Protein backbone atom coordinates (compact mmCIF):
# COMPACT_ATOMS: atom_id res chain seq x y z
CA UNK A 1 16.71 65.48 -79.71
CA UNK A 2 14.73 66.21 -77.06
CA UNK A 3 12.04 69.41 -76.67
CA UNK A 4 10.59 70.28 -73.68
CA UNK A 5 7.72 72.62 -73.42
CA UNK A 6 8.70 76.04 -72.31
CA UNK A 7 5.05 77.20 -71.04
CA UNK A 8 5.27 74.34 -68.47
CA UNK A 9 9.18 74.58 -67.66
CA UNK A 10 11.67 77.51 -67.27
CA UNK A 11 15.06 75.94 -68.26
CA UNK A 12 18.14 78.41 -67.87
CA UNK A 13 21.63 77.99 -69.45
CA UNK A 14 23.10 77.37 -65.97
CA UNK A 15 20.31 74.62 -65.24
CA UNK A 16 21.75 71.02 -65.13
CA UNK A 17 18.94 68.25 -66.39
CA UNK A 18 18.38 64.87 -65.61
CA UNK A 19 16.89 62.50 -67.97
CA UNK A 20 15.83 58.75 -67.07
CA UNK A 21 15.67 57.12 -70.40
CA UNK A 22 14.73 53.48 -69.87
CA UNK A 23 15.26 52.20 -73.57
CA UNK A 24 13.36 52.16 -77.30
CA UNK A 25 9.82 50.88 -77.60
CA UNK A 26 8.41 48.29 -80.18
CA UNK A 27 5.48 48.86 -82.47
CA UNK A 28 3.20 47.90 -79.60
CA UNK A 29 4.68 50.48 -77.29
CA UNK A 30 6.45 47.51 -75.05
CA UNK A 31 9.63 48.10 -73.96
CA UNK A 32 12.93 46.38 -76.01
CA UNK A 33 14.54 44.80 -73.23
CA UNK A 34 15.30 41.27 -74.39
CA UNK A 35 18.31 39.91 -75.60
CA UNK A 36 16.99 38.07 -79.01
CA UNK A 37 14.48 41.58 -79.31
CA UNK A 38 17.69 43.67 -78.94
CA UNK A 39 19.35 41.69 -81.29
CA UNK A 40 16.51 42.49 -84.17
CA UNK A 41 16.90 45.77 -83.61
CA UNK A 42 20.39 46.18 -83.84
CA UNK A 43 19.81 44.54 -87.45
CA UNK A 44 17.09 46.35 -88.65
CA UNK A 45 17.49 49.55 -86.95
CA UNK A 46 21.28 50.34 -87.24
CA UNK A 47 23.08 47.90 -89.54
CA UNK A 48 20.22 48.17 -92.01
CA UNK A 49 19.30 44.45 -92.34
CA UNK A 50 15.22 43.31 -93.67
CA UNK A 51 13.21 40.87 -91.58
CA UNK A 52 13.50 38.59 -94.25
CA UNK A 53 17.50 38.73 -93.79
CA UNK A 54 16.56 37.29 -90.53
CA UNK A 55 16.51 33.82 -89.41
CA UNK A 56 13.70 34.76 -87.06
CA UNK A 57 12.76 31.04 -85.75
CA UNK A 58 16.48 30.93 -84.06
CA UNK A 59 16.17 34.63 -82.37
CA UNK A 60 12.64 33.76 -80.90
CA UNK A 61 13.87 30.37 -79.91
CA UNK A 62 16.52 31.83 -78.29
CA UNK A 63 14.00 34.37 -76.90
CA UNK A 64 11.91 31.57 -75.40
CA UNK A 65 14.89 30.20 -73.57
CA UNK A 66 16.06 33.34 -72.39
CA UNK A 67 13.54 35.57 -71.15
CA UNK A 68 15.37 37.77 -68.60
CA UNK A 69 15.75 41.78 -69.23
CA UNK A 70 18.88 43.14 -70.11
CA UNK A 71 20.23 46.51 -71.09
CA UNK A 72 22.43 47.67 -73.81
CA UNK A 73 23.92 51.08 -73.81
CA UNK A 74 24.48 52.51 -77.31
CA UNK A 75 25.78 55.61 -76.28
CA UNK A 76 29.00 54.42 -76.04
CA UNK A 77 32.04 54.50 -79.04
CA UNK A 78 31.89 50.71 -79.00
CA UNK A 79 32.42 48.73 -82.40
CA UNK A 80 29.29 46.27 -83.25
CA UNK A 81 31.77 43.36 -83.08
CA UNK A 82 32.02 44.22 -79.69
CA UNK A 83 28.49 44.33 -78.52
CA UNK A 84 27.50 41.28 -80.70
CA UNK A 85 30.19 39.20 -79.06
CA UNK A 86 29.11 41.24 -75.13
CA UNK A 87 25.59 40.14 -76.05
CA UNK A 88 26.47 36.30 -77.24
CA UNK A 89 27.50 35.89 -73.99
CA UNK A 90 24.64 37.18 -72.23
CA UNK A 91 22.07 35.45 -73.64
CA UNK A 92 24.56 32.41 -73.96
CA UNK A 93 23.84 32.15 -78.02
CA UNK A 94 25.94 33.02 -80.96
CA UNK A 95 25.45 34.32 -84.41
CA UNK A 96 24.98 32.14 -87.43
CA UNK A 97 23.29 31.41 -90.75
CA UNK A 98 21.07 29.00 -91.48
CA UNK A 99 20.37 26.94 -94.50
CA UNK A 100 19.28 29.52 -96.81
CA UNK A 101 21.95 32.39 -95.09
CA UNK A 102 19.61 34.03 -92.96
CA UNK A 103 21.21 35.67 -89.62
CA UNK A 104 20.26 34.10 -86.86
CA UNK A 105 20.92 34.02 -82.86
CA UNK A 106 21.11 30.42 -81.89
CA UNK A 107 20.69 29.29 -78.51
CA UNK A 108 23.75 27.52 -76.40
CA UNK A 109 21.83 23.97 -75.63
CA UNK A 110 22.05 22.06 -72.62
CA UNK A 111 19.79 18.98 -73.83
CA UNK A 112 20.66 17.24 -77.27
CA UNK A 113 17.53 17.57 -79.63
CA UNK A 114 15.67 14.54 -80.75
CA UNK A 115 17.26 14.47 -84.10
CA UNK A 116 21.01 14.43 -82.17
CA UNK A 117 23.17 12.56 -84.75
CA UNK A 118 24.68 9.54 -82.90
CA UNK A 119 28.56 8.42 -84.08
CA UNK A 120 29.38 4.75 -82.98
CA UNK A 121 32.87 4.54 -81.80
CA UNK A 122 33.73 2.18 -84.13
CA UNK A 123 33.36 4.88 -86.35
CA UNK A 124 35.85 7.48 -85.48
CA UNK A 125 39.51 7.75 -85.99
CA UNK A 126 42.29 9.63 -84.72
CA UNK A 127 40.48 10.92 -81.21
CA UNK A 128 42.62 12.85 -79.36
CA UNK A 129 41.69 14.90 -76.18
CA UNK A 130 43.60 17.79 -74.71
CA UNK A 131 43.30 21.13 -73.11
CA UNK A 132 45.54 23.92 -73.13
CA UNK A 133 46.11 25.78 -70.10
CA UNK A 134 46.27 29.14 -71.29
CA UNK A 135 42.69 28.71 -71.64
CA UNK A 136 42.09 27.13 -67.99
CA UNK A 137 40.78 29.65 -65.90
CA UNK A 138 40.12 29.27 -61.86
CA UNK A 139 37.78 31.66 -61.47
CA UNK A 140 34.84 33.67 -63.67
CA UNK A 141 34.02 37.04 -62.83
CA UNK A 142 30.94 38.22 -64.66
CA UNK A 143 30.19 41.69 -64.50
CA UNK A 144 27.00 42.93 -65.13
CA UNK A 145 24.42 45.99 -64.76
CA UNK A 146 26.95 48.77 -65.18
CA UNK A 147 26.32 51.93 -63.78
CA UNK A 148 26.68 54.47 -66.98
CA UNK A 149 27.81 57.44 -64.96
CA UNK A 150 30.70 56.02 -62.72
CA UNK A 151 31.05 53.33 -65.34
CA UNK A 152 31.45 50.81 -62.41
CA UNK A 153 30.01 46.84 -62.69
CA UNK A 154 28.61 44.68 -59.98
CA UNK A 155 30.19 41.37 -60.25
CA UNK A 156 29.44 37.81 -59.51
CA UNK A 157 32.06 35.14 -59.46
CA UNK A 158 31.87 31.18 -59.74
CA UNK A 159 35.56 29.50 -59.12
CA UNK A 160 36.67 25.84 -59.43
CA UNK A 161 39.31 25.10 -56.84
CA UNK A 162 40.54 21.88 -58.48
CA UNK A 163 41.73 23.85 -61.56
CA UNK A 164 44.41 25.50 -59.22
CA UNK A 165 45.23 22.14 -57.09
CA UNK A 166 45.85 20.09 -60.18
CA UNK A 167 47.48 22.31 -62.84
CA UNK A 168 48.71 24.83 -60.48
CA UNK A 169 45.90 27.90 -62.30
CA UNK A 170 44.75 30.24 -60.16
CA UNK A 171 44.37 32.77 -63.08
CA UNK A 172 40.58 34.59 -63.23
CA UNK A 173 38.75 35.52 -66.39
CA UNK A 174 36.55 38.65 -66.33
CA UNK A 175 33.26 38.44 -68.43
CA UNK A 176 31.43 41.65 -69.36
CA UNK A 177 27.39 41.63 -69.96
CA UNK A 178 24.29 43.31 -70.53
CA UNK A 179 22.51 41.31 -67.80
CA UNK A 180 20.66 43.44 -65.16
CA UNK A 181 19.57 40.49 -62.35
CA UNK A 182 22.16 38.92 -60.00
CA UNK A 183 20.67 35.82 -60.27
CA UNK A 184 21.03 35.77 -64.10
CA UNK A 185 25.39 36.82 -63.61
CA UNK A 186 25.54 34.19 -61.16
CA UNK A 187 23.98 31.52 -63.18
CA UNK A 188 26.44 32.89 -66.23
CA UNK A 189 29.80 32.59 -64.32
CA UNK A 190 28.88 29.32 -63.34
CA UNK A 191 28.15 27.83 -66.74
CA UNK A 192 30.68 29.87 -68.24
CA UNK A 193 33.35 28.30 -65.98
CA UNK A 194 32.22 24.62 -66.66
CA UNK A 195 32.37 25.50 -70.71
CA UNK A 196 35.83 27.02 -70.95
CA UNK A 197 37.22 24.42 -68.89
CA UNK A 198 36.53 21.40 -70.59
CA UNK A 199 38.81 19.41 -72.72
CA UNK A 200 38.83 19.84 -76.14
CA UNK A 201 38.14 16.57 -78.62
CA UNK A 202 39.12 15.95 -82.10
CA UNK A 203 38.78 13.00 -83.79
CA UNK A 204 37.62 12.40 -87.52
CA UNK A 205 34.34 10.27 -88.65
CA UNK A 206 32.41 9.53 -91.69
CA UNK A 207 29.78 12.26 -93.42
CA UNK A 208 27.60 11.14 -90.08
CA UNK A 209 27.20 15.08 -89.09
CA UNK A 210 26.93 16.80 -92.85
CA UNK A 211 24.75 19.23 -92.71
CA UNK A 212 25.38 20.43 -88.28
CA UNK A 213 27.24 23.06 -87.60
CA UNK A 214 29.47 24.50 -84.77
CA UNK A 215 27.06 24.54 -81.69
CA UNK A 216 24.90 21.94 -82.23
CA UNK A 217 25.64 18.48 -80.19
CA UNK A 218 25.95 15.16 -81.49
CA UNK A 219 26.17 11.72 -79.40
CA UNK A 220 28.77 9.50 -79.01
CA UNK A 221 27.60 6.13 -78.14
CA UNK A 222 29.35 2.87 -77.54
CA UNK A 223 28.51 -0.13 -80.03
CA UNK A 224 28.33 -3.04 -76.74
CA UNK A 225 25.66 -3.25 -74.61
CA UNK A 226 23.29 -1.59 -75.91
CA UNK A 227 20.01 -0.94 -73.81
CA UNK A 228 16.06 -0.82 -75.50
CA UNK A 229 16.95 2.62 -76.95
CA UNK A 230 19.67 1.27 -79.04
CA UNK A 231 22.58 2.87 -77.13
CA UNK A 232 24.92 2.99 -74.13
CA UNK A 233 27.38 5.12 -72.43
CA UNK A 234 26.33 8.06 -74.35
CA UNK A 235 28.25 11.43 -74.12
CA UNK A 236 27.57 14.86 -75.71
CA UNK A 237 29.48 16.52 -77.27
CA UNK A 238 29.27 19.98 -78.98
CA UNK A 239 30.68 20.75 -82.45
CA UNK A 240 33.09 23.63 -82.28
CA UNK A 241 34.89 22.92 -85.93
CA UNK A 242 33.56 21.01 -88.56
């Protein structure tokens, strides 16, 4: 509800009023324009969660890695499932729960953490590598900074000509995000292109990754020619399913 001071302005029935809205403010009066802070606002103010229900450590770690401002319109008839999926794509994080079942937003780490699990090649069984051609894309188009009046999006793209050369695939994929900055959208396009075209690795191992969750990074290290750090030919894997 917007209330006008009629002593200051006269408004007639036929008048058209344009209002610029920048977003919500937090308790300190600062604009909420960061993905992690918006996630908290959605959970608390729209879904009725308490702060005690949230894994704030993971959420603020995501904020530390991704401070770019975004804009999430809430005046559309969009399901929360779609909103959260788009938010995940925007901030390169994913929803999950910690060991206490608190809801968090975990950032897609690029660098393996210091406590990464090492898997030796002799511990791996039933190793296979494949990639469904239906999930290969030559081009990723990131749609960002939607104009709410015209419902038009700006666009940044990233392409890999090797996909068409090797597999005869020139399929594009559109990704919609809440980003405002062109550099952020362009960076996302290249990151997503690299991610979706990676092969899927499947293997069976003993309980070395007990407690790990999808999205975590583990390392595969060969058993011979160790260096001073005790490993050689390391390869990092991101867990998709456990």
